Amino acid sequence: MLMVITYRYNMISECNLELLNLKTKLNTVQSNLAATAMNVEQNTDLSKVEAIAKQKLGMQKPDKNQVVYIDTSKDSNIIKENNTNIFQQVVQKIKEFVNNIK
């Protein structure tokens, strides 16, 4: 009986040790994740992105004569109608295919 108790105690100790190692790894991964998230936030700062675009890529903001505004209020209706037509065409083709198989 003493052997069984000793064996069980040994198994519990190994499981606790493994749990402790996993907790340590989890803490390490969480700290790396937090550091990476902070790094991403710092690198996606819009002023920094703009500075890199101007300095390294030679980009500049468009002039007034380079900006073209498009009225999409009329185009959105046309797109919806076209999508509906395309959807109906696809359904029709599938129906034709199914009928040809029968």
N, C-alpha and C. Protein backbone atom coordinates (compact mmCIF):
# COMPACT_ATOMS: atom_id res chain seq x y z
N MET A 1 0.81 -1.18 0.00
CA MET A 1 0.00 0.00 0.00
C MET A 1 0.86 1.26 0.00
N LEU A 2 1.98 1.19 0.72
CA LEU A 2 2.90 2.31 0.77
C LEU A 2 3.48 2.61 -0.61
N MET A 3 3.73 1.59 -1.42
CA MET A 3 4.25 1.77 -2.79
C MET A 3 3.24 2.53 -3.65
N VAL A 4 1.97 2.19 -3.50
CA VAL A 4 0.92 2.85 -4.28
C VAL A 4 0.83 4.32 -3.89
N ILE A 5 0.88 4.60 -2.62
CA ILE A 5 0.81 5.99 -2.15
C ILE A 5 2.02 6.77 -2.64
N THR A 6 3.20 6.17 -2.55
CA THR A 6 4.42 6.84 -3.01
C THR A 6 4.37 7.08 -4.52
N TYR A 7 3.91 6.08 -5.26
CA TYR A 7 3.79 6.23 -6.71
C TYR A 7 2.81 7.34 -7.05
N ARG A 8 1.67 7.36 -6.37
CA ARG A 8 0.66 8.39 -6.63
C ARG A 8 1.20 9.77 -6.30
N TYR A 9 1.92 9.89 -5.18
CA TYR A 9 2.53 11.16 -4.80
C TYR A 9 3.53 11.62 -5.86
N ASN A 10 4.30 10.68 -6.39
CA ASN A 10 5.27 10.98 -7.44
C ASN A 10 4.56 11.49 -8.70
N MET A 11 3.46 10.85 -9.06
CA MET A 11 2.70 11.26 -10.25
C MET A 11 2.13 12.67 -10.07
N ILE A 12 1.62 12.96 -8.88
CA ILE A 12 1.07 14.28 -8.60
C ILE A 12 2.18 15.33 -8.66
N SER A 13 3.35 15.01 -8.13
CA SER A 13 4.48 15.95 -8.16
C SER A 13 4.91 16.24 -9.60
N GLU A 14 4.95 15.21 -10.44
CA GLU A 14 5.31 15.41 -11.85
C GLU A 14 4.28 16.28 -12.56
N CYS A 15 3.01 16.04 -12.28
CA CYS A 15 1.96 16.86 -12.90
C CYS A 15 2.05 18.31 -12.45
N ASN A 16 2.33 18.52 -11.16
CA ASN A 16 2.50 19.89 -10.66
C ASN A 16 3.70 20.57 -11.29
N LEU A 17 4.79 19.85 -11.46
CA LEU A 17 5.97 20.40 -12.10
C LEU A 17 5.67 20.77 -13.55
N GLU A 18 4.97 19.89 -14.26
CA GLU A 18 4.61 20.18 -15.65
C GLU A 18 3.69 21.39 -15.71
N LEU A 19 2.75 21.49 -14.77
CA LEU A 19 1.84 22.64 -14.71
C LEU A 19 2.61 23.93 -14.48
N LEU A 20 3.58 23.89 -13.61
CA LEU A 20 4.41 25.06 -13.33
C LEU A 20 5.19 25.47 -14.57
N ASN A 21 5.75 24.49 -15.29
CA ASN A 21 6.48 24.80 -16.53
C ASN A 21 5.56 25.41 -17.58
N LEU A 22 4.36 24.88 -17.70
CA LEU A 22 3.41 25.41 -18.67
C LEU A 22 2.97 26.83 -18.30
N LYS A 23 2.79 27.09 -17.02
CA LYS A 23 2.44 28.45 -16.59
C LYS A 23 3.56 29.42 -16.90
N THR A 24 4.80 28.98 -16.71
CA THR A 24 5.95 29.83 -17.03
C THR A 24 5.99 30.14 -18.52
N LYS A 25 5.77 29.12 -19.35
CA LYS A 25 5.75 29.33 -20.80
C LYS A 25 4.61 30.26 -21.19
N LEU A 26 3.45 30.09 -20.55
CA LEU A 26 2.30 30.95 -20.84
C LEU A 26 2.61 32.40 -20.52
N ASN A 27 3.23 32.63 -19.38
CA ASN A 27 3.60 34.00 -19.00
C ASN A 27 4.59 34.60 -20.00
N THR A 28 5.53 33.79 -20.46
CA THR A 28 6.51 34.27 -21.44
C THR A 28 5.82 34.63 -22.74
N VAL A 29 4.94 33.77 -23.20
CA VAL A 29 4.22 34.02 -24.45
C VAL A 29 3.33 35.25 -24.32
N GLN A 30 2.66 35.40 -23.18
CA GLN A 30 1.80 36.57 -22.98
C GLN A 30 2.61 37.86 -22.95
N SER A 31 3.77 37.83 -22.34
CA SER A 31 4.60 39.04 -22.33
C SER A 31 5.12 39.36 -23.73
N ASN A 32 5.47 38.32 -24.51
CA ASN A 32 5.89 38.54 -25.89
C ASN A 32 4.74 39.10 -26.72
N LEU A 33 3.53 38.59 -26.48
CA LEU A 33 2.36 39.09 -27.19
C LEU A 33 2.09 40.55 -26.86
N ALA A 34 2.20 40.90 -25.60
CA ALA A 34 1.99 42.29 -25.19
C ALA A 34 3.05 43.20 -25.82
N ALA A 35 4.30 42.74 -25.84
CA ALA A 35 5.36 43.55 -26.45
C ALA A 35 5.13 43.71 -27.94
N THR A 36 4.69 42.65 -28.60
CA THR A 36 4.41 42.72 -30.04
C THR A 36 3.24 43.65 -30.31
N ALA A 37 2.20 43.57 -29.49
CA ALA A 37 1.04 44.45 -29.67
C ALA A 37 1.44 45.91 -29.50
N MET A 38 2.29 46.19 -28.51
CA MET A 38 2.76 47.55 -28.32
C MET A 38 3.60 48.00 -29.51
N ASN A 39 4.42 47.11 -30.03
CA ASN A 39 5.25 47.43 -31.19
C ASN A 39 4.38 47.73 -32.41
N VAL A 40 3.32 46.95 -32.59
CA VAL A 40 2.41 47.17 -33.72
C VAL A 40 1.72 48.52 -33.57
N GLU A 41 1.28 48.86 -32.36
CA GLU A 41 0.64 50.15 -32.14
C GLU A 41 1.59 51.30 -32.43
N GLN A 42 2.83 51.16 -32.03
CA GLN A 42 3.80 52.22 -32.26
C GLN A 42 4.11 52.36 -33.75
N ASN A 43 4.18 51.24 -34.47
CA ASN A 43 4.52 51.30 -35.88
C ASN A 43 3.34 51.68 -36.77
N THR A 44 2.12 51.63 -36.24
CA THR A 44 0.97 52.01 -37.04
C THR A 44 0.47 53.40 -36.69
N ASP A 45 1.25 54.15 -35.97
CA ASP A 45 0.90 55.54 -35.69
C ASP A 45 0.86 56.29 -37.01
N LEU A 46 -0.25 56.97 -37.29
CA LEU A 46 -0.44 57.59 -38.60
C LEU A 46 0.61 58.64 -38.92
N SER A 47 1.04 59.39 -37.92
CA SER A 47 2.06 60.41 -38.18
C SER A 47 3.39 59.75 -38.56
N LYS A 48 3.69 58.60 -37.94
CA LYS A 48 4.92 57.89 -38.28
C LYS A 48 4.83 57.28 -39.68
N VAL A 49 3.65 56.73 -40.01
CA VAL A 49 3.45 56.17 -41.35
C VAL A 49 3.59 57.27 -42.40
N GLU A 50 3.01 58.43 -42.11
CA GLU A 50 3.11 59.56 -43.05
C GLU A 50 4.57 60.00 -43.21
N ALA A 51 5.31 60.06 -42.12
CA ALA A 51 6.72 60.46 -42.19
C ALA A 51 7.52 59.47 -43.01
N ILE A 52 7.29 58.17 -42.82
CA ILE A 52 8.00 57.15 -43.61
C ILE A 52 7.64 57.26 -45.08
N ALA A 53 6.34 57.49 -45.36
CA ALA A 53 5.91 57.61 -46.75
C ALA A 53 6.57 58.80 -47.43
N LYS A 54 6.71 59.90 -46.71
CA LYS A 54 7.34 61.09 -47.30
C LYS A 54 8.85 60.92 -47.44
N GLN A 55 9.50 60.39 -46.42
CA GLN A 55 10.96 60.32 -46.42
C GLN A 55 11.49 59.17 -47.26
N LYS A 56 11.01 57.97 -47.01
CA LYS A 56 11.58 56.81 -47.68
C LYS A 56 10.99 56.57 -49.06
N LEU A 57 9.69 56.82 -49.20
CA LEU A 57 9.04 56.51 -50.47
C LEU A 57 8.84 57.72 -51.37
N GLY A 58 9.13 58.91 -50.84
CA GLY A 58 9.01 60.12 -51.65
C GLY A 58 7.56 60.47 -51.99
N MET A 59 6.65 60.03 -51.19
CA MET A 59 5.23 60.31 -51.44
C MET A 59 4.88 61.70 -50.92
N GLN A 60 3.80 62.23 -51.45
CA GLN A 60 3.30 63.51 -50.98
C GLN A 60 1.79 63.52 -51.07
N LYS A 61 1.17 64.44 -50.34
CA LYS A 61 -0.29 64.54 -50.40
C LYS A 61 -0.69 65.11 -51.76
N PRO A 62 -1.82 64.68 -52.31
CA PRO A 62 -2.23 65.16 -53.63
C PRO A 62 -2.62 66.63 -53.58
N ASP A 63 -2.36 67.31 -54.70
CA ASP A 63 -2.78 68.70 -54.84
C ASP A 63 -4.29 68.75 -55.10
N LYS A 64 -4.85 69.96 -55.05
CA LYS A 64 -6.28 70.11 -55.28
C LYS A 64 -6.68 69.66 -56.68
N ASN A 65 -5.79 69.89 -57.65
CA ASN A 65 -6.13 69.51 -59.02
C ASN A 65 -5.94 68.01 -59.29
N GLN A 66 -5.35 67.27 -58.36
CA GLN A 66 -5.16 65.84 -58.51
C GLN A 66 -6.29 65.02 -57.90
N VAL A 67 -7.13 65.66 -57.11
CA VAL A 67 -8.21 64.95 -56.43
C VAL A 67 -9.44 64.93 -57.32
N VAL A 68 -10.01 63.75 -57.51
CA VAL A 68 -11.23 63.60 -58.30
C VAL A 68 -12.30 63.00 -57.39
N TYR A 69 -13.42 63.70 -57.30
CA TYR A 69 -14.52 63.23 -56.49
C TYR A 69 -15.53 62.52 -57.39
N ILE A 70 -16.03 61.39 -56.93
CA ILE A 70 -16.97 60.60 -57.71
C ILE A 70 -18.28 60.50 -56.93
N ASP A 71 -19.38 60.81 -57.59
CA ASP A 71 -20.69 60.69 -56.99
C ASP A 71 -21.14 59.25 -57.10
N THR A 72 -21.20 58.57 -55.95
CA THR A 72 -21.54 57.14 -55.96
C THR A 72 -23.01 56.88 -55.66
N SER A 73 -23.79 57.93 -55.46
CA SER A 73 -25.20 57.70 -55.12
C SER A 73 -25.94 57.04 -56.28
N LYS A 74 -25.63 57.40 -57.52
CA LYS A 74 -26.28 56.79 -58.68
C LYS A 74 -25.64 55.45 -59.00
N ASP A 75 -24.35 55.33 -58.83
CA ASP A 75 -23.64 54.09 -59.17
C ASP A 75 -24.04 52.94 -58.27
N SER A 76 -24.37 53.21 -57.00
CA SER A 76 -24.69 52.13 -56.09
C SER A 76 -25.94 51.37 -56.54
N ASN A 77 -26.93 52.09 -57.10
CA ASN A 77 -28.13 51.42 -57.61
C ASN A 77 -27.82 50.53 -58.79
N ILE A 78 -26.95 51.01 -59.65
CA ILE A 78 -26.58 50.23 -60.83
C ILE A 78 -25.84 48.96 -60.42
N ILE A 79 -24.98 49.08 -59.44
CA ILE A 79 -24.22 47.91 -58.98
C ILE A 79 -25.16 46.87 -58.38
N LYS A 80 -26.14 47.32 -57.60
CA LYS A 80 -27.08 46.38 -57.01
C LYS A 80 -27.87 45.67 -58.09
N GLU A 81 -28.30 46.42 -59.09
CA GLU A 81 -29.06 45.79 -60.17
C GLU A 81 -28.21 44.78 -60.92
N ASN A 82 -26.96 45.14 -61.19
CA ASN A 82 -26.08 44.21 -61.89
C ASN A 82 -25.81 42.97 -61.06
N ASN A 83 -25.61 43.13 -59.76
CA ASN A 83 -25.37 41.97 -58.90
C ASN A 83 -26.59 41.06 -58.89
N THR A 84 -27.77 41.65 -58.88
CA THR A 84 -28.98 40.84 -58.89
C THR A 84 -29.07 40.08 -60.20
N ASN A 85 -28.76 40.76 -61.29
CA ASN A 85 -28.82 40.10 -62.59
C ASN A 85 -27.80 38.96 -62.67
N ILE A 86 -26.62 39.22 -62.18
CA ILE A 86 -25.58 38.19 -62.21
C ILE A 86 -26.01 37.01 -61.33
N PHE A 87 -26.58 37.31 -60.17
CA PHE A 87 -27.04 36.25 -59.29
C PHE A 87 -28.13 35.44 -59.97
N GLN A 88 -29.06 36.12 -60.61
CA GLN A 88 -30.13 35.41 -61.30
C GLN A 88 -29.58 34.56 -62.44
N GLN A 89 -28.58 35.08 -63.12
CA GLN A 89 -27.97 34.32 -64.21
C GLN A 89 -27.29 33.05 -63.69
N VAL A 90 -26.61 33.18 -62.56
CA VAL A 90 -25.94 32.03 -61.97
C VAL A 90 -26.96 30.98 -61.56
N VAL A 91 -28.05 31.43 -60.92
CA VAL A 91 -29.09 30.50 -60.51
C VAL A 91 -29.69 29.81 -61.74
N GLN A 92 -29.93 30.57 -62.79
CA GLN A 92 -30.50 30.01 -64.02
C GLN A 92 -29.56 28.96 -64.61
N LYS A 93 -28.27 29.24 -64.64
CA LYS A 93 -27.30 28.28 -65.18
C LYS A 93 -27.26 27.00 -64.35
N ILE A 94 -27.36 27.15 -63.03
CA ILE A 94 -27.36 25.98 -62.17
C ILE A 94 -28.61 25.14 -62.42
N LYS A 95 -29.74 25.81 -62.57
CA LYS A 95 -30.98 25.09 -62.86
C LYS A 95 -30.89 24.35 -64.18
N GLU A 96 -30.33 24.99 -65.19
CA GLU A 96 -30.16 24.36 -66.49
C GLU A 96 -29.24 23.15 -66.38
N PHE A 97 -28.17 23.29 -65.62
CA PHE A 97 -27.23 22.18 -65.44
C PHE A 97 -27.91 21.00 -64.74
N VAL A 98 -28.69 21.29 -63.71
CA VAL A 98 -29.38 20.24 -62.98
C VAL A 98 -30.41 19.55 -63.89
N ASN A 99 -31.10 20.33 -64.69
CA ASN A 99 -32.09 19.75 -65.60
C ASN A 99 -31.43 18.88 -66.67
N ASN A 100 -30.26 19.24 -67.12
CA ASN A 100 -29.55 18.46 -68.13
C ASN A 100 -29.04 17.13 -67.54
N ILE A 101 -28.73 17.13 -66.27
CA ILE A 101 -28.25 15.91 -65.62
C ILE A 101 -29.41 14.90 -65.50
N LYS A 102 -30.58 15.39 -65.20
CA LYS A 102 -31.75 14.51 -65.02
C LYS A 102 -32.09 13.92 -66.35
